[in-house]
């Protein structure tokens, strides 16, 4: 197979990615266990208050994240005309596609077509992204898209010695990243510039006048945002900076101590391999075929499919290692924090995969992938052993279709050796579509119950004309740990009014309160609802107590 040409499997993968990502995008209400509800609530309150500069939660200033991603969610709310789960997750789904196309766009400059296409697809179909991240409206895929683009800008313009464009564009993207997630963007920018330019002994480039211009661009964008916030709303800049710093430091060994840090250093490689299966198993390709082969010989062989003068693979390796080390020594890390580094890793292993045709490492990997496909032909029928999926009206058809399609793909897989990786990628997209129809619907019931329960209670605090009556959350009922953001969102979206928190009892005001905050209080019960997680609460009036 020529790795310089496209094939039909690439087109099929692109087509299947649409139903895989979008068919059930808004099927289930907000998730309670992730930050999805928090992202939604901040964007909702921007729309309700008209305050687009300073994020709030339950009317209180929210400092943990700058507002850029919330603006994207708000734009999606406006685009679709509602506050639905579809609207919330739409920016994430668009970002996932944009991320993969961006990977292909940049890599096509440095490696053959097949390698660029496969890296772009692997970013989409690895286990963590395909079966977890793309289910929720989180910030990380969009943020990773921007950060990866900054990596490529640094490499491309350094290669062309256009340092003005390098620093201008990379710091512009860094500013956009900061406006999404804060200080991590500065870490990525600094680590990448220092390690890559330092590796080439180009220390003088760091003192290039354009570098200071780039820093000025960054400060201009970020500074303008905070200046406008201070002028318009008296935004406390010092507190905002402290919270952003704390958000970054609290995940490191500084906060967790030496024991937790050492334990994380030991377990991180295994966690990393697990989260991005099955393609992290491709590291087996770097193991020398014979004891006589040195690591340097193996790494040198990886450059077979790139221009002899091209240092792109070294850039991928150096940038990946330099930036992943930050997370390797930070005990509180989620796999999604490293998504921007995955294309760098996948580039190295995909090049190794095509270089090692006929080697035992590649044969074992292909046996593993084929085994996964073969097992799926039969494993999908487990849906009949699960009560929630067995009740689905189309379960027979879904299982039969999945089993049949994957069975045919197994036949192709074992007869078309040169495109086995391509077929496996398409198989994963088929598996995700099957997952959408068989295993996403059973997740709906619990979240739907929270939605309906909260909407019903919210409607009881509105008058006959649909106007919201005064309603506040009492004491620590909501907002204390972030778990109740989903309740705040549903109530605010129904009433079209922010739900503030109050420690005072006022006349003419309804209150949302749980049992611990109602202990010893006299009140009139208006309605009952459930807060996450399974915490009973009530809508009450204190001024109408018997």
Protein backbone atom coordinates (compact mmCIF):
# COMPACT_ATOMS: atom_id res chain seq x y z
CA UNK A 1 0.00 0.00 0.00
CA UNK A 2 1.22 3.46 -0.84
CA UNK A 3 1.20 5.68 2.24
CA UNK A 4 1.16 8.73 0.00
CA UNK A 5 -2.43 8.18 -1.15
CA UNK A 6 -5.86 8.21 0.43
CA UNK A 7 -8.18 5.20 0.42
CA UNK A 8 -11.91 4.50 0.67
CA UNK A 9 -11.69 3.75 4.39
CA UNK A 10 -10.76 7.36 5.16
CA UNK A 11 -13.89 8.65 3.46
CA UNK A 12 -16.03 6.04 5.21
CA UNK A 13 -14.55 7.05 8.57
CA UNK A 14 -15.38 10.72 7.94
CA UNK A 15 -18.96 9.80 7.00
CA UNK A 16 -19.46 7.56 10.04
CA UNK A 17 -18.01 10.18 12.38
CA UNK A 18 -21.12 12.33 11.86
CA UNK A 19 -23.69 9.88 13.29
CA UNK A 20 -21.15 8.66 15.84
CA UNK A 21 -20.81 12.17 17.28
CA UNK A 22 -24.21 13.72 16.63
CA UNK A 23 -26.91 11.01 16.64
CA UNK A 24 -27.37 11.11 20.43
CA UNK A 25 -25.50 14.30 21.26
CA UNK A 26 -28.42 15.86 23.12
CA UNK A 27 -30.27 12.67 23.99
CA UNK A 28 -29.63 12.74 27.73
CA UNK A 29 -29.88 15.74 30.07
CA UNK A 30 -26.92 17.33 31.83
CA UNK A 31 -24.37 15.09 33.47
CA UNK A 32 -23.99 15.45 37.23
CA UNK A 33 -20.55 13.93 37.72
CA UNK A 34 -18.48 16.21 35.45
CA UNK A 35 -18.00 19.96 34.97
CA UNK A 36 -20.58 19.97 32.19
CA UNK A 37 -23.31 21.51 34.35
CA UNK A 38 -20.94 24.23 35.57
CA UNK A 39 -20.04 25.24 32.01
CA UNK A 40 -23.75 25.31 31.17
CA UNK A 41 -24.74 27.32 34.25
CA UNK A 42 -22.12 30.02 33.72
CA UNK A 43 -23.20 30.49 30.08
CA UNK A 44 -26.86 30.50 31.06
CA UNK A 45 -26.36 33.23 33.66
CA UNK A 46 -24.50 35.33 31.09
CA UNK A 47 -27.58 35.15 28.89
CA UNK A 48 -30.02 35.82 31.72
CA UNK A 49 -28.14 38.83 33.15
CA UNK A 50 -26.56 40.31 30.04
CA UNK A 51 -23.22 40.30 31.88
CA UNK A 52 -20.93 38.73 29.29
CA UNK A 53 -17.62 39.83 30.83
CA UNK A 54 -17.62 38.42 34.34
CA UNK A 55 -18.74 34.79 34.79
CA UNK A 56 -21.08 34.06 37.70
CA UNK A 57 -22.50 31.03 39.49
CA UNK A 58 -25.82 31.61 41.24
CA UNK A 59 -25.17 35.33 40.83
CA UNK A 60 -21.76 35.22 42.57
CA UNK A 61 -18.56 36.00 40.66
CA UNK A 62 -16.86 32.86 39.34
CA UNK A 63 -13.07 33.12 39.06
CA UNK A 64 -11.95 29.57 38.22
CA UNK A 65 -12.09 29.96 34.45
CA UNK A 66 -12.06 32.99 32.12
CA UNK A 67 -15.16 33.27 29.91
CA UNK A 68 -14.16 32.35 26.34
CA UNK A 69 -15.57 28.82 26.30
CA UNK A 70 -18.72 30.06 28.02
CA UNK A 71 -19.12 32.54 25.17
CA UNK A 72 -18.99 29.63 22.71
CA UNK A 73 -21.69 27.79 24.65
CA UNK A 74 -23.75 30.97 24.80
CA UNK A 75 -23.37 31.38 21.03
CA UNK A 76 -24.63 27.81 20.62
CA UNK A 77 -27.61 28.55 22.90
CA UNK A 78 -28.43 31.51 20.68
CA UNK A 79 -27.85 29.53 17.46
CA UNK A 80 -30.23 26.74 18.42
CA UNK A 81 -32.64 28.96 20.37
CA UNK A 82 -32.73 26.90 23.58
CA UNK A 83 -30.78 25.73 26.60
CA UNK A 84 -30.81 22.08 25.65
CA UNK A 85 -28.11 19.46 26.08
CA UNK A 86 -27.65 19.50 22.30
CA UNK A 87 -26.88 23.22 22.36
CA UNK A 88 -24.49 22.78 25.28
CA UNK A 89 -22.51 19.97 23.64
CA UNK A 90 -22.55 21.28 20.09
CA UNK A 91 -19.33 23.39 20.47
CA UNK A 92 -17.52 20.30 21.77
CA UNK A 93 -18.68 18.16 18.83
CA UNK A 94 -17.65 20.81 16.30
CA UNK A 95 -14.30 21.14 18.07
CA UNK A 96 -13.62 17.42 17.88
CA UNK A 97 -14.08 17.50 14.11
CA UNK A 98 -12.12 20.73 13.75
CA UNK A 99 -9.31 19.30 15.85
CA UNK A 100 -8.94 16.24 13.60
CA UNK A 101 -9.01 18.31 10.41
CA UNK A 102 -6.43 20.68 11.90
CA UNK A 103 -4.17 17.75 12.72
CA UNK A 104 -4.44 16.53 9.13
CA UNK A 105 -3.83 20.01 7.73
CA UNK A 106 -0.57 20.46 9.62
CA UNK A 107 0.77 16.92 9.48
CA UNK A 108 0.22 16.69 5.73
CA UNK A 109 3.07 19.19 5.39
CA UNK A 110 5.56 16.94 7.16
CA UNK A 111 4.53 13.30 6.72
CA UNK A 112 2.84 11.27 3.95
CA UNK A 113 -0.91 11.40 3.44
CA UNK A 114 -1.72 8.07 5.10
CA UNK A 115 0.16 8.92 8.28
CA UNK A 116 -1.43 12.37 8.54
CA UNK A 117 -4.90 10.90 7.98
CA UNK A 118 -4.43 8.13 10.53
CA UNK A 119 -3.12 10.45 13.24
CA UNK A 120 -6.13 12.73 12.70
CA UNK A 121 -8.49 9.76 12.95
CA UNK A 122 -6.77 8.23 15.97
CA UNK A 123 -7.26 11.50 17.82
CA UNK A 124 -10.99 10.98 17.32
CA UNK A 125 -11.33 7.22 17.90
CA UNK A 126 -9.05 6.55 20.87
CA UNK A 127 -10.98 5.12 23.79
CA UNK A 128 -10.98 8.21 26.01
CA UNK A 129 -12.26 10.58 23.34
CA UNK A 130 -14.68 8.33 21.44
CA UNK A 131 -16.43 6.74 24.41
CA UNK A 132 -16.18 9.44 27.06
CA UNK A 133 -15.11 12.98 26.19
CA UNK A 134 -17.48 13.27 23.22
CA UNK A 135 -20.46 12.51 25.47
CA UNK A 136 -20.13 15.74 27.45
CA UNK A 137 -19.98 19.49 26.84
CA UNK A 138 -16.58 20.03 28.44
CA UNK A 139 -13.95 22.63 27.67
CA UNK A 140 -10.96 20.36 27.12
CA UNK A 141 -11.34 19.32 23.47
CA UNK A 142 -11.73 22.92 22.30
CA UNK A 143 -8.84 24.02 24.49
CA UNK A 144 -6.64 21.18 23.23
CA UNK A 145 -7.45 22.09 19.63
CA UNK A 146 -6.12 25.60 20.23
CA UNK A 147 -3.05 24.41 22.14
CA UNK A 148 -2.07 21.86 19.51
CA UNK A 149 -2.37 24.58 16.85
CA UNK A 150 0.10 26.67 18.86
CA UNK A 151 2.54 23.74 18.85
CA UNK A 152 2.35 23.54 15.07
CA UNK A 153 2.75 27.30 14.65
CA UNK A 154 5.93 27.19 16.72
CA UNK A 155 7.39 24.37 14.66
CA UNK A 156 6.38 25.70 11.25
CA UNK A 157 7.60 29.26 11.67
CA UNK A 158 10.77 28.22 13.47
CA UNK A 159 11.52 25.93 10.54
CA UNK A 160 11.00 28.84 8.15
CA UNK A 161 12.89 31.21 10.45
CA UNK A 162 9.97 33.61 10.46
CA UNK A 163 10.20 34.49 14.13
CA UNK A 164 7.89 37.46 13.93
CA UNK A 165 5.01 35.22 12.82
CA UNK A 166 6.06 32.50 15.28
CA UNK A 167 5.74 34.72 18.32
CA UNK A 168 2.79 36.73 17.04
CA UNK A 169 0.58 33.73 16.20
CA UNK A 170 1.66 31.50 19.09
CA UNK A 171 1.05 34.20 21.70
CA UNK A 172 -2.26 35.08 20.06
CA UNK A 173 -3.34 31.46 20.44
CA UNK A 174 -1.87 31.41 23.95
CA UNK A 175 -4.08 34.37 24.83
CA UNK A 176 -7.15 32.58 23.49
CA UNK A 177 -6.19 29.52 25.51
CA UNK A 178 -5.73 31.64 28.62
CA UNK A 179 -9.18 33.10 28.05
CA UNK A 180 -10.53 29.56 28.15
CA UNK A 181 -8.54 27.89 30.91
CA UNK A 182 -6.11 30.32 32.48
CA UNK A 183 -2.50 29.64 33.43
CA UNK A 184 -1.93 26.22 31.75
CA UNK A 185 -1.62 28.02 28.41
CA UNK A 186 1.45 29.89 29.65
CA UNK A 187 2.97 26.60 30.80
CA UNK A 188 2.45 24.98 27.38
CA UNK A 189 3.83 28.05 25.61
CA UNK A 190 6.88 28.35 27.84
CA UNK A 191 7.76 24.65 27.94
CA UNK A 192 7.46 24.26 24.17
CA UNK A 193 9.50 27.34 23.30
CA UNK A 194 12.27 26.66 25.80
CA UNK A 195 12.68 22.94 25.11
CA UNK A 196 12.45 23.09 21.30
CA UNK A 197 14.60 26.18 20.82
CA UNK A 198 16.96 25.00 23.54
CA UNK A 199 17.33 21.59 21.89
CA UNK A 200 18.44 23.40 18.73
CA UNK A 201 20.67 25.74 20.77
CA UNK A 202 18.70 28.71 19.50
CA UNK A 203 18.69 30.49 22.83
CA UNK A 204 19.11 33.87 21.12
CA UNK A 205 15.73 33.48 19.44
CA UNK A 206 14.11 33.74 22.87
CA UNK A 207 15.50 37.28 23.04
CA UNK A 208 14.30 38.19 19.56
CA UNK A 209 12.39 41.52 19.56
CA UNK A 210 9.40 39.68 18.09
CA UNK A 211 9.19 37.61 21.28
CA UNK A 212 8.52 40.74 23.30
CA UNK A 213 5.98 41.81 20.70
CA UNK A 214 4.24 38.44 21.11
CA UNK A 215 4.18 38.86 24.88
CA UNK A 216 2.72 42.35 24.37
CA UNK A 217 -0.04 40.87 22.19
CA UNK A 218 -0.85 38.35 24.91
CA UNK A 219 -0.89 41.01 27.62
CA UNK A 220 -2.93 43.31 25.40
CA UNK A 221 -5.70 40.76 24.85
CA UNK A 222 -5.84 39.42 28.39
CA UNK A 223 -5.28 42.85 29.93
CA UNK A 224 -8.05 44.43 27.86
CA UNK A 225 -10.51 41.79 29.06
CA UNK A 226 -9.68 42.34 32.74
CA UNK A 227 -9.62 46.12 32.34
CA UNK A 228 -13.12 46.07 30.84
CA UNK A 229 -14.33 43.77 33.62
CA UNK A 230 -12.90 46.02 36.30
CA UNK A 231 -14.36 49.15 34.71
CA UNK A 232 -17.82 47.68 34.16
CA UNK A 233 -18.34 45.51 37.23
CA UNK A 234 -15.56 46.29 39.69
CA UNK A 235 -14.03 42.87 39.02
CA UNK A 236 -11.50 42.07 41.82
CA UNK A 237 -8.41 41.33 39.73
CA UNK A 238 -6.21 40.29 42.65
CA UNK A 239 -8.68 37.64 43.77
CA UNK A 240 -9.16 36.40 40.19
CA UNK A 241 -5.40 35.93 39.77
CA UNK A 242 -5.17 34.16 43.10
CA UNK A 243 -7.94 31.72 42.14
CA UNK A 244 -6.39 31.03 38.73
CA UNK A 245 -3.06 30.33 40.45
CA UNK A 246 -4.73 28.12 43.04
CA UNK A 247 -6.60 26.20 40.33
CA UNK A 248 -3.25 25.28 38.80
CA UNK A 249 -1.21 24.68 41.95
CA UNK A 250 -3.82 22.63 43.80
CA UNK A 251 -3.30 19.72 41.39
CA UNK A 252 0.46 19.56 41.89
CA UNK A 253 2.75 17.97 44.45
CA UNK A 254 2.89 21.31 46.26
CA UNK A 255 -0.68 20.67 47.45
CA UNK A 256 -0.63 16.87 47.73
CA UNK A 257 2.75 16.23 49.28
CA UNK A 258 5.61 13.88 48.51
CA UNK A 259 3.82 10.55 49.12
CA UNK A 260 0.95 11.23 46.74
CA UNK A 261 3.36 12.67 44.18
CA UNK A 262 5.65 9.62 44.19
CA UNK A 263 2.65 7.29 43.91
CA UNK A 264 1.33 9.28 40.96
CA UNK A 265 4.72 9.24 39.23
CA UNK A 266 4.69 5.45 39.48
CA UNK A 267 1.11 4.97 38.26
CA UNK A 268 0.76 7.74 35.68
CA UNK A 269 2.26 5.79 32.71
CA UNK A 270 -0.20 2.93 33.26
CA UNK A 271 -3.14 5.29 33.64
CA UNK A 272 -2.10 7.08 30.48
CA UNK A 273 -1.90 3.82 28.52
CA UNK A 274 -5.31 2.76 29.85
CA UNK A 275 -7.17 5.96 29.01
CA UNK A 276 -6.02 6.15 25.40
CA UNK A 277 -6.31 2.50 24.51
CA UNK A 278 -5.96 0.76 22.18
CA UNK A 279 -3.41 2.95 20.40
CA UNK A 280 -1.16 3.51 23.39
CA UNK A 281 -0.28 -0.19 23.01
CA UNK A 282 1.58 0.88 19.88
CA UNK A 283 4.49 1.79 22.15
CA UNK A 284 5.37 -1.87 21.71
CA UNK A 285 6.61 -0.84 18.26
CA UNK A 286 9.54 0.97 19.86
CA UNK A 287 10.84 -2.20 21.43
CA UNK A 288 13.88 -3.37 19.44
CA UNK A 289 13.18 -6.35 17.19
CA UNK A 290 16.40 -7.97 18.40
CA UNK A 291 18.60 -7.31 21.44
CA UNK A 292 21.33 -6.12 19.09
CA UNK A 293 19.25 -3.19 17.90
CA UNK A 294 19.85 -0.03 19.88
CA UNK A 295 17.13 2.50 20.67
CA UNK A 296 18.90 5.07 18.52
CA UNK A 297 18.71 2.70 15.54
CA UNK A 298 14.98 2.20 16.05
CA UNK A 299 14.31 5.93 16.38
CA UNK A 300 16.43 6.65 13.31
CA UNK A 301 14.33 4.18 11.35
CA UNK A 302 11.21 6.15 12.20
CA UNK A 303 12.42 8.93 9.91
CA UNK A 304 12.18 6.66 6.90
CA UNK A 305 8.93 8.24 5.73
CA UNK A 306 9.94 11.84 6.31
CA UNK A 307 12.30 14.14 4.51
CA UNK A 308 15.89 13.58 5.66
CA UNK A 309 16.11 17.26 6.53
CA UNK A 310 12.82 17.30 8.41
CA UNK A 311 13.04 17.35 12.21
CA UNK A 312 9.30 17.03 12.76
CA UNK A 313 9.45 13.69 14.56
CA UNK A 314 12.01 15.05 16.99
CA UNK A 315 9.78 18.05 17.60
CA UNK A 316 6.86 15.70 18.37
CA UNK A 317 8.95 13.66 20.79
CA UNK A 318 10.53 16.63 22.57
CA UNK A 319 7.31 18.63 22.85
CA UNK A 320 5.36 15.62 24.08
CA UNK A 321 7.89 14.70 26.76
CA UNK A 322 8.45 18.28 27.93
CA UNK A 323 4.75 18.97 28.41
CA UNK A 324 3.59 15.57 29.67
CA UNK A 325 6.17 15.81 32.47
CA UNK A 326 4.10 18.62 33.99
CA UNK A 327 1.20 16.18 34.41
CA UNK A 328 3.42 13.27 35.34
CA UNK A 329 4.45 15.03 38.55
CA UNK A 330 0.98 16.44 39.35
CA UNK A 331 -1.13 14.01 41.43
CA UNK A 332 -4.58 15.38 40.52
CA UNK A 333 -4.70 14.98 36.76
CA UNK A 334 -7.50 13.91 34.43
CA UNK A 335 -6.75 12.25 31.11
CA UNK A 336 -8.55 15.01 29.22
CA UNK A 337 -5.88 17.49 30.32
CA UNK A 338 -3.41 15.83 27.93
CA UNK A 339 -5.55 15.69 24.78
CA UNK A 340 -3.44 18.32 23.02
CA UNK A 341 -0.41 16.06 23.36
CA UNK A 342 -2.03 13.00 21.77
CA UNK A 343 -1.39 13.97 18.12
CA UNK A 344 2.32 14.24 18.93
CA UNK A 345 2.34 10.77 20.48
CA UNK A 346 0.17 9.27 17.74
CA UNK A 347 2.45 10.70 15.05
CA UNK A 348 5.41 8.80 16.49
CA UNK A 349 3.59 5.49 16.88
CA UNK A 350 1.83 5.64 13.51
CA UNK A 351 5.13 6.29 11.73
CA UNK A 352 6.57 3.34 13.65
CA UNK A 353 3.58 1.19 12.69
CA UNK A 354 4.06 1.71 8.95
CA UNK A 355 7.83 1.40 9.24
CA UNK A 356 7.67 -1.98 10.95
CA UNK A 357 5.70 -3.94 8.39
CA UNK A 358 6.35 -7.65 8.90
CA UNK A 359 7.89 -7.24 12.37
CA UNK A 360 6.56 -9.26 15.29
CA UNK A 361 5.51 -6.13 17.18
CA UNK A 362 3.15 -5.04 14.42
CA UNK A 363 1.83 -8.58 13.95
CA UNK A 364 0.90 -8.85 17.61
CA UNK A 365 -0.81 -5.46 17.54
CA UNK A 366 -2.84 -6.46 14.49
CA UNK A 367 -3.77 -9.77 16.13
CA UNK A 368 -5.00 -7.79 19.15
CA UNK A 369 -7.07 -5.40 17.02
CA UNK A 370 -8.54 -8.28 15.03
CA UNK A 371 -9.34 -10.09 18.27
CA UNK A 372 -11.23 -7.06 19.60
CA UNK A 373 -13.29 -6.96 16.42
CA UNK A 374 -14.02 -10.68 16.56
CA UNK A 375 -15.08 -10.56 20.21
CA UNK A 376 -17.40 -7.62 19.45
CA UNK A 377 -19.36 -9.76 16.97
CA UNK A 378 -20.57 -11.80 19.94
CA UNK A 379 -20.12 -9.36 22.85
CA UNK A 380 -22.75 -6.95 21.53
CA UNK A 381 -25.39 -9.53 22.41
CA UNK A 382 -24.68 -8.84 26.07
CA UNK A 383 -27.34 -6.17 25.63
CA UNK A 384 -29.89 -8.95 26.26
CA UNK A 385 -28.29 -9.66 29.62
CA UNK A 386 -28.73 -6.09 30.85
CA UNK A 387 -32.25 -5.20 31.96
CA UNK A 388 -32.10 -1.58 30.80
CA UNK A 389 -30.97 -2.44 27.26
CA UNK A 390 -33.11 -5.58 26.96
CA UNK A 391 -36.22 -3.39 27.17
CA UNK A 392 -35.26 -1.26 24.16
CA UNK A 393 -37.76 -1.86 21.33
CA UNK A 394 -35.05 -2.07 18.69
CA UNK A 395 -32.52 -4.14 20.62
CA UNK A 396 -32.77 -7.14 18.27
CA UNK A 397 -32.22 -5.01 15.20
CA UNK A 398 -29.34 -3.05 16.74
CA UNK A 399 -27.51 -6.16 17.92
CA UNK A 400 -28.08 -7.98 14.63
CA UNK A 401 -26.91 -5.00 12.58
CA UNK A 402 -23.82 -4.47 14.72
CA UNK A 403 -22.89 -8.12 14.74
CA UNK A 404 -23.40 -8.43 10.98
CA UNK A 405 -21.50 -5.29 10.01
CA UNK A 406 -18.58 -6.05 12.32
CA UNK A 407 -18.54 -9.65 11.07
CA UNK A 408 -18.14 -8.46 7.48
CA UNK A 409 -15.44 -6.02 8.59
CA UNK A 410 -13.58 -8.90 10.27
CA UNK A 411 -13.51 -10.69 6.92
CA UNK A 412 -12.08 -7.57 5.25
CA UNK A 413 -9.63 -7.10 8.10
CA UNK A 414 -8.06 -10.52 7.65
CA UNK A 415 -8.01 -10.35 3.86
CA UNK A 416 -6.81 -6.76 3.35
CA UNK A 417 -3.63 -6.68 5.40
CA UNK A 418 -2.37 -3.40 4.03
CA UNK A 419 -5.33 -1.40 5.41
CA UNK A 420 -5.93 -3.15 8.72
CA UNK A 421 -5.44 -0.02 10.80
CA UNK A 422 -7.88 1.87 8.59
CA UNK A 423 -10.49 -0.87 8.95
CA UNK A 424 -10.03 -0.93 12.72
CA UNK A 425 -10.66 2.82 12.89
CA UNK A 426 -13.92 2.38 10.96
CA UNK A 427 -14.85 -0.51 13.27
CA UNK A 428 -14.48 1.77 16.31
CA UNK A 429 -16.84 4.32 14.75
CA UNK A 430 -19.36 1.55 14.06
CA UNK A 431 -18.97 0.47 17.70
CA UNK A 432 -19.66 4.03 18.86
CA UNK A 433 -22.82 4.23 16.75
CA UNK A 434 -23.97 0.94 18.24
CA UNK A 435 -23.09 2.27 21.70
CA UNK A 436 -25.24 5.34 21.01
CA UNK A 437 -28.33 3.25 20.34
CA UNK A 438 -27.82 0.48 22.89
CA UNK A 439 -26.06 1.98 25.90
CA UNK A 440 -26.75 5.73 25.86
CA UNK A 441 -30.58 5.50 26.25
CA UNK A 442 -30.40 3.60 29.57
CA UNK A 443 -28.39 6.48 31.01
CA UNK A 444 -31.23 8.88 30.38
CA UNK A 445 -33.64 7.80 33.13
CA UNK A 446 -31.73 9.09 36.15
CA UNK A 447 -30.79 12.41 34.58
CA UNK A 448 -34.29 12.83 33.16
CA UNK A 449 -35.72 12.36 36.64
CA UNK A 450 -33.56 15.18 37.98
CA UNK A 451 -34.62 17.38 35.06
CA UNK A 452 -38.35 16.75 35.40
CA UNK A 453 -38.25 16.99 39.19
CA UNK A 454 -36.46 20.34 39.15
CA UNK A 455 -38.59 21.78 36.35
CA UNK A 456 -41.77 20.81 38.17
CA UNK A 457 -40.59 22.51 41.36
CA UNK A 458 -39.47 25.61 39.44
CA UNK A 459 -42.89 25.95 37.78
CA UNK A 460 -44.51 26.13 41.22
CA UNK A 461 -42.57 29.35 41.87
CA UNK A 462 -44.02 31.09 38.81
CA UNK A 463 -47.31 32.94 38.48
CA UNK A 464 -50.13 32.17 36.06
CA UNK A 465 -48.59 34.42 33.40
CA UNK A 466 -45.31 32.51 33.54
CA UNK A 467 -43.38 35.18 35.43
CA UNK A 468 -40.79 34.03 37.96
CA UNK A 469 -41.59 34.82 41.58
CA UNK A 470 -38.71 35.55 44.02
CA UNK A 471 -36.77 32.34 44.69
CA UNK A 472 -33.47 31.88 46.52
CA UNK A 473 -31.38 28.96 47.68
CA UNK A 474 -31.18 28.79 51.46
CA UNK A 475 -27.72 28.76 53.03
CA UNK A 476 -25.56 25.86 51.75
CA UNK A 477 -28.30 23.95 49.94
CA UNK A 478 -26.70 24.47 46.54
CA UNK A 479 -23.38 25.65 45.20
CA UNK A 480 -21.32 24.40 48.12
CA UNK A 481 -19.39 21.73 46.17
CA UNK A 482 -20.49 22.13 42.56
CA UNK A 483 -22.54 18.94 42.54
CA UNK A 484 -25.80 20.90 42.54
CA UNK A 485 -24.94 22.99 39.46
CA UNK A 486 -27.24 20.72 37.48
CA UNK A 487 -30.16 21.64 39.76
CA UNK A 488 -29.40 25.35 39.51
CA UNK A 489 -29.24 25.08 35.72
CA UNK A 490 -32.60 23.35 35.34
CA UNK A 491 -34.32 25.74 37.72
CA UNK A 492 -32.81 28.87 36.15
CA UNK A 493 -33.46 27.67 32.60
CA UNK A 494 -37.12 27.05 33.47
CA UNK A 495 -37.67 30.33 35.32
CA UNK A 496 -35.35 32.42 33.09
CA UNK A 497 -33.97 33.99 36.24
CA UNK A 498 -30.78 33.55 38.28
CA UNK A 499 -31.14 31.52 41.47
CA UNK A 500 -29.15 33.42 44.14
CA UNK A 501 -27.96 32.09 47.48
CA UNK A 502 -29.18 33.73 50.68
CA UNK A 503 -28.56 33.20 54.39
CA UNK A 504 -31.47 35.50 55.31
CA UNK A 505 -35.19 34.79 55.52
CA UNK A 506 -37.25 37.41 53.70
CA UNK A 507 -40.94 38.03 53.24
CA UNK A 508 -42.52 37.15 49.91
CA UNK A 509 -39.60 34.93 48.90
CA UNK A 510 -39.62 31.24 48.07
CA UNK A 511 -36.61 29.22 49.22
CA UNK A 512 -34.95 26.07 47.98
CA UNK A 513 -33.64 24.20 51.02
CA UNK A 514 -32.48 20.71 51.95
CA UNK A 515 -33.18 18.89 55.20
CA UNK A 516 -29.92 19.89 56.90
CA UNK A 517 -30.57 23.60 56.32
CA UNK A 518 -34.22 23.29 57.36
CA UNK A 519 -33.43 21.63 60.67
CA UNK A 520 -35.15 23.55 63.47
CA UNK A 521 -36.85 25.95 61.02
CA UNK A 522 -40.57 26.66 60.72
CA UNK A 523 -41.82 26.84 57.14
CA UNK A 524 -44.63 26.09 54.73
CA UNK A 525 -43.81 23.38 52.20
CA UNK A 526 -44.61 24.29 48.59
CA UNK A 527 -42.96 21.45 46.63
CA UNK A 528 -40.43 18.65 46.90
CA UNK A 529 -37.51 17.85 44.62
CA UNK A 530 -34.28 15.88 44.56
CA UNK A 531 -30.86 17.47 44.49
CA UNK A 532 -27.81 15.64 43.23
CA UNK A 533 -26.78 13.19 44.57
CA UNK A 534 -30.14 11.79 45.72
CA UNK A 535 -30.53 14.56 48.28
CA UNK A 536 -34.14 15.46 49.13
CA UNK A 537 -35.02 19.14 49.22
CA UNK A 538 -38.07 21.38 49.34
CA UNK A 539 -39.40 24.66 48.03
CA UNK A 540 -40.63 26.50 51.14
CA UNK A 541 -41.92 29.82 52.41
CA UNK A 542 -40.69 30.96 55.83
CA UNK A 543 -43.13 33.88 56.06
CA UNK A 544 -46.12 31.54 55.73
CA UNK A 545 -45.04 29.06 58.40
CA UNK A 546 -47.95 27.68 60.47
